[in-house]
Amino acid sequence: MLEAQQELRENGARCTILNSVAGSDSGDLSAFVSEVNHNCVLNPDAQPFAPQTLIAKEMCQPAMAGQSPKSFAQALAKAVNQNRLPLPTPKVFSGNPIEFVAFMKSFTALIENRGINPGEKIYYLQQYVAGEAKEAIEGCFYGTCEGDYLKA
């Protein structure tokens, strides 16, 4: 992103120069550059050049587009507060058929849809079942493929 922004600034400078040359009487680029160099005057009282890192500012600009710094700070504070919340975990399913639908929805949302491999899904399933439910699918815990997970 920073490289693209730099390239955009460079292309803008090129366009400015080319437009100025096109608008000059001679149309000669070298004459234009000489003219620009003669018009430049250095300030001997100027502070020495010390480049500053603007990475943080540039990275924040897209997020801050149309936002005041205060609203950006509020959004950042909200994100930090959300990360403080404990991670949700599925309820342990012990075999009660009335609780099965709620368990499956929570397990699917929190574990299954995370794009993890079947072996990990089986491991998590083993952690969140107990009692009769665990006994019923215990033979599937040694598998590592999607078929074993679906069977469980």
Protein backbone atom coordinates (compact mmCIF):
# COMPACT_ATOMS: atom_id res chain seq x y z
CA MET A 1 0.00 0.00 0.00
CA LEU A 2 2.86 2.36 0.86
CA GLU A 3 4.59 1.54 -2.42
CA ALA A 4 1.40 2.28 -4.34
CA GLN A 5 1.00 5.62 -2.55
CA GLN A 6 4.62 6.53 -3.34
CA GLU A 7 4.13 5.58 -6.99
CA LEU A 8 0.98 7.71 -7.10
CA ARG A 9 2.87 10.73 -5.74
CA GLU A 10 5.68 10.20 -8.26
CA ASN A 11 3.24 9.93 -11.16
CA GLY A 12 1.49 13.09 -9.97
CA ALA A 13 4.80 14.95 -9.96
CA ARG A 14 5.57 13.67 -13.46
CA CYS A 15 2.18 14.86 -14.69
CA THR A 16 2.74 18.29 -13.17
CA ILE A 17 6.11 18.61 -14.91
CA LEU A 18 4.80 17.37 -18.24
CA ASN A 19 1.78 19.69 -18.06
CA SER A 20 4.07 22.62 -17.30
CA VAL A 21 6.37 21.73 -20.20
CA ALA A 22 3.39 21.35 -22.52
CA GLY A 23 2.16 24.79 -21.45
CA SER A 24 5.57 26.49 -21.91
CA ASP A 25 6.43 28.28 -25.15
CA SER A 26 9.43 26.16 -26.09
CA GLY A 27 8.08 22.75 -25.13
CA ASP A 28 11.67 21.73 -24.31
CA LEU A 29 11.98 19.64 -21.12
CA SER A 30 15.66 20.44 -20.52
CA ALA A 31 14.93 24.19 -20.78
CA PHE A 32 12.10 23.77 -18.29
CA VAL A 33 14.32 21.88 -15.81
CA SER A 34 17.02 24.59 -16.13
CA GLU A 35 14.41 27.25 -15.48
CA VAL A 36 13.15 25.43 -12.40
CA ASN A 37 16.70 24.95 -11.06
CA HIS A 38 17.50 28.67 -11.52
CA ASN A 39 14.35 29.69 -9.66
CA CYS A 40 15.15 27.47 -6.64
CA VAL A 41 16.74 29.26 -3.72
CA LEU A 42 18.04 27.40 -0.69
CA ASN A 43 17.38 28.76 2.77
CA PRO A 44 20.65 28.70 4.75
CA ASP A 45 18.70 29.17 8.01
CA ALA A 46 16.53 26.08 7.45
CA GLN A 47 16.65 23.19 9.91
CA PRO A 48 18.61 20.11 8.79
CA PHE A 49 16.45 17.53 7.05
CA ALA A 50 15.39 14.73 9.40
CA PRO A 51 13.02 12.22 7.77
CA GLN A 52 10.14 11.13 9.95
CA THR A 53 8.36 7.81 9.85
CA LEU A 54 4.81 8.34 8.64
CA ILE A 55 3.87 4.69 8.41
CA ALA A 56 1.37 4.78 11.27
CA LYS A 57 -0.26 7.93 9.96
CA GLU A 58 -0.49 6.59 6.39
CA MET A 59 -1.82 3.23 7.56
CA CYS A 60 -4.55 4.93 9.56
CA GLN A 61 -5.66 7.30 6.82
CA PRO A 62 -7.85 4.78 4.95
CA ALA A 63 -9.57 3.84 8.19
CA MET A 64 -9.95 7.50 9.14
CA ALA A 65 -11.41 8.62 5.81
CA GLY A 66 -14.35 10.78 6.73
CA GLN A 67 -13.76 10.28 10.46
CA SER A 68 -12.43 12.72 12.96
CA PRO A 69 -9.45 11.64 15.07
CA LYS A 70 -11.80 11.45 18.05
CA SER A 71 -14.16 8.99 16.33
CA PHE A 72 -11.17 6.93 15.19
CA ALA A 73 -9.95 6.79 18.79
CA GLN A 74 -13.42 5.73 19.91
CA ALA A 75 -13.49 2.95 17.29
CA LEU A 76 -10.06 1.79 18.42
CA ALA A 77 -11.15 1.80 22.07
CA LYS A 78 -14.25 -0.22 21.14
CA ALA A 79 -12.12 -2.81 19.35
CA VAL A 80 -9.79 -3.11 22.34
CA ASN A 81 -12.76 -3.56 24.70
CA GLN A 82 -14.22 -6.28 22.46
CA ASN A 83 -10.93 -8.17 22.61
CA ARG A 84 -11.17 -8.21 26.39
CA LEU A 85 -14.32 -10.33 26.29
CA PRO A 86 -13.82 -14.03 26.98
CA LEU A 87 -13.92 -16.23 23.92
CA PRO A 88 -17.26 -17.99 23.48
CA THR A 89 -17.22 -21.77 23.79
CA PRO A 90 -19.90 -24.31 22.89
CA LYS A 91 -21.90 -25.79 25.73
CA VAL A 92 -20.93 -29.35 26.67
CA PHE A 93 -23.47 -31.81 25.24
CA SER A 94 -24.25 -34.77 27.47
CA GLY A 95 -26.84 -36.54 25.35
CA ASN A 96 -30.09 -34.71 26.19
CA PRO A 97 -31.99 -34.61 22.85
CA ILE A 98 -33.64 -31.28 23.75
CA GLU A 99 -30.19 -29.61 23.97
CA PHE A 100 -28.81 -31.16 20.74
CA VAL A 101 -29.96 -28.46 18.28
CA ALA A 102 -28.55 -25.64 20.42
CA PHE A 103 -25.29 -27.56 20.87
CA MET A 104 -24.92 -28.23 17.12
CA LYS A 105 -25.57 -24.58 16.23
CA SER A 106 -23.00 -23.32 18.73
CA PHE A 107 -20.43 -25.99 17.81
CA THR A 108 -20.87 -25.28 14.09
CA ALA A 109 -20.54 -21.52 14.54
CA LEU A 110 -17.62 -21.56 16.98
CA ILE A 111 -15.58 -24.59 15.87
CA GLU A 112 -16.67 -26.20 12.61
CA ASN A 113 -16.83 -23.02 10.47
CA ARG A 114 -13.31 -21.88 11.40
CA GLY A 115 -11.72 -23.76 8.52
CA ILE A 116 -9.70 -26.16 10.66
CA ASN A 117 -8.74 -29.67 9.62
CA PRO A 118 -10.97 -32.67 10.50
CA GLY A 119 -8.53 -34.00 13.11
CA GLU A 120 -8.82 -30.75 15.07
CA LYS A 121 -12.61 -30.76 14.72
CA ILE A 122 -12.68 -34.27 16.21
CA TYR A 123 -10.45 -33.12 19.06
CA TYR A 124 -12.76 -30.20 19.86
CA LEU A 125 -15.83 -32.41 19.57
CA GLN A 126 -14.25 -34.74 22.11
CA GLN A 127 -13.81 -31.77 24.48
CA TYR A 128 -17.45 -30.65 24.22
CA VAL A 129 -19.35 -33.93 24.60
CA ALA A 130 -19.83 -35.88 27.80
CA GLY A 131 -21.76 -38.82 29.25
CA GLU A 132 -23.87 -40.94 26.91
CA ALA A 133 -23.08 -38.73 23.91
CA LYS A 134 -19.35 -39.22 24.38
CA GLU A 135 -19.76 -42.98 24.81
CA ALA A 136 -21.82 -43.19 21.60
CA ILE A 137 -19.15 -41.59 19.41
CA GLU A 138 -15.99 -42.63 21.28
CA GLY A 139 -14.85 -44.92 18.45
CA CYS A 140 -14.69 -41.94 16.05
CA PHE A 141 -12.18 -40.00 18.15
CA TYR A 142 -9.24 -41.91 16.69
CA GLY A 143 -9.98 -40.83 13.12
CA THR A 144 -8.46 -37.87 11.34
CA CYS A 145 -10.46 -37.54 8.11
CA GLU A 146 -13.65 -35.65 7.28
CA GLY A 147 -15.59 -38.91 7.07
CA ASP A 148 -14.69 -39.78 10.67
CA TYR A 149 -15.75 -36.32 11.81
CA LEU A 150 -19.07 -36.52 9.95
CA LYS A 151 -19.68 -39.99 11.36
CA ALA A 152 -19.13 -38.68 14.90
